[in-house]
Amino acid sequence: MASIGTLDTGYYVVRDGIVYADHYGDTLPQLRTENRGLTHAYYLYVSFTETLARHARWPTPWPRNQSSQT
């Protein structure tokens, strides 16, 4: 994970997104342990219904790539 190398150079790292335990289960605790500075972790649960409502408020709900616009 690039975050570990980035922390080693003294930069701050913000890790954002959907993080699957099956894939990152060992890496994130390692990142937390090896960080020489402060580590903060936050979890935000948003229901699927709320997610759909939030996306519906976007000006363009879903970005489309050129190949899907046929």
Protein backbone atom coordinates (compact mmCIF):
# COMPACT_ATOMS: atom_id res chain seq x y z
CA MET A 1 0.00 0.00 0.00
CA ALA A 2 1.44 3.35 -1.04
CA SER A 3 0.25 4.89 2.24
CA ILE A 4 3.01 3.15 4.20
CA GLY A 5 5.77 4.55 1.99
CA THR A 6 4.20 7.99 2.08
CA LEU A 7 4.08 8.01 5.87
CA ASP A 8 7.74 7.00 5.97
CA THR A 9 8.65 10.19 4.10
CA GLY A 10 6.87 12.36 6.68
CA TYR A 11 3.70 13.22 4.77
CA TYR A 12 0.18 13.05 6.18
CA VAL A 13 -2.05 10.38 4.69
CA VAL A 14 -5.82 10.38 4.40
CA ARG A 15 -7.17 6.98 3.43
CA ASP A 16 -10.73 7.29 2.20
CA GLY A 17 -13.20 4.97 0.58
CA ILE A 18 -14.69 1.54 0.91
CA VAL A 19 -12.10 -0.67 2.55
CA TYR A 20 -12.85 -4.39 2.48
CA ALA A 21 -11.60 -6.39 5.46
CA ASP A 22 -10.95 -9.44 3.28
CA HIS A 23 -8.44 -7.47 1.24
CA TYR A 24 -7.09 -4.86 3.69
CA GLY A 25 -7.66 -6.67 6.98
CA ASP A 26 -3.94 -7.07 7.73
CA THR A 27 -2.67 -3.95 5.98
CA LEU A 28 -4.61 -1.29 7.86
CA PRO A 29 -3.51 -2.44 11.34
CA GLN A 30 0.06 -2.57 9.99
CA LEU A 31 -0.29 0.98 8.71
CA ARG A 32 -1.57 2.11 12.11
CA THR A 33 1.23 0.30 13.96
CA GLU A 34 4.07 1.52 11.74
CA ASN A 35 2.97 5.16 11.71
CA ARG A 36 5.33 7.22 13.84
CA GLY A 37 2.80 9.99 14.31
CA LEU A 38 -0.81 10.15 15.44
CA THR A 39 -3.33 7.82 13.85
CA HIS A 40 -7.05 8.44 13.72
CA ALA A 41 -9.64 6.11 12.20
CA TYR A 42 -13.27 6.94 11.58
CA TYR A 43 -16.15 4.85 10.34
CA LEU A 44 -19.28 6.32 8.85
CA TYR A 45 -22.27 4.11 8.22
CA VAL A 46 -24.72 5.40 5.66
CA SER A 47 -27.66 3.17 4.76
CA PHE A 48 -28.25 2.19 1.16
CA THR A 49 -31.49 4.20 1.13
CA GLU A 50 -29.67 7.32 2.35
CA THR A 51 -26.90 6.74 -0.20
CA LEU A 52 -29.46 6.71 -3.01
CA ALA A 53 -31.10 9.86 -1.66
CA ARG A 54 -27.74 11.67 -1.52
CA HIS A 55 -26.80 10.61 -5.04
CA ALA A 56 -30.18 11.77 -6.34
CA ARG A 57 -29.34 15.32 -5.18
CA TRP A 58 -26.22 15.51 -7.39
CA PRO A 59 -26.56 17.64 -10.55
CA THR A 60 -25.49 14.60 -12.60
CA PRO A 61 -26.23 11.54 -10.47
CA TRP A 62 -23.82 9.11 -12.12
CA PRO A 63 -20.84 10.10 -14.25
CA ARG A 64 -20.81 8.16 -17.50
CA ASN A 65 -17.82 7.34 -19.62
CA GLN A 66 -17.96 7.82 -23.38
CA SER A 67 -18.30 4.12 -24.19
CA SER A 68 -21.52 3.74 -22.18
CA GLN A 69 -23.35 6.60 -23.94
CA THR A 70 -24.82 4.75 -26.90
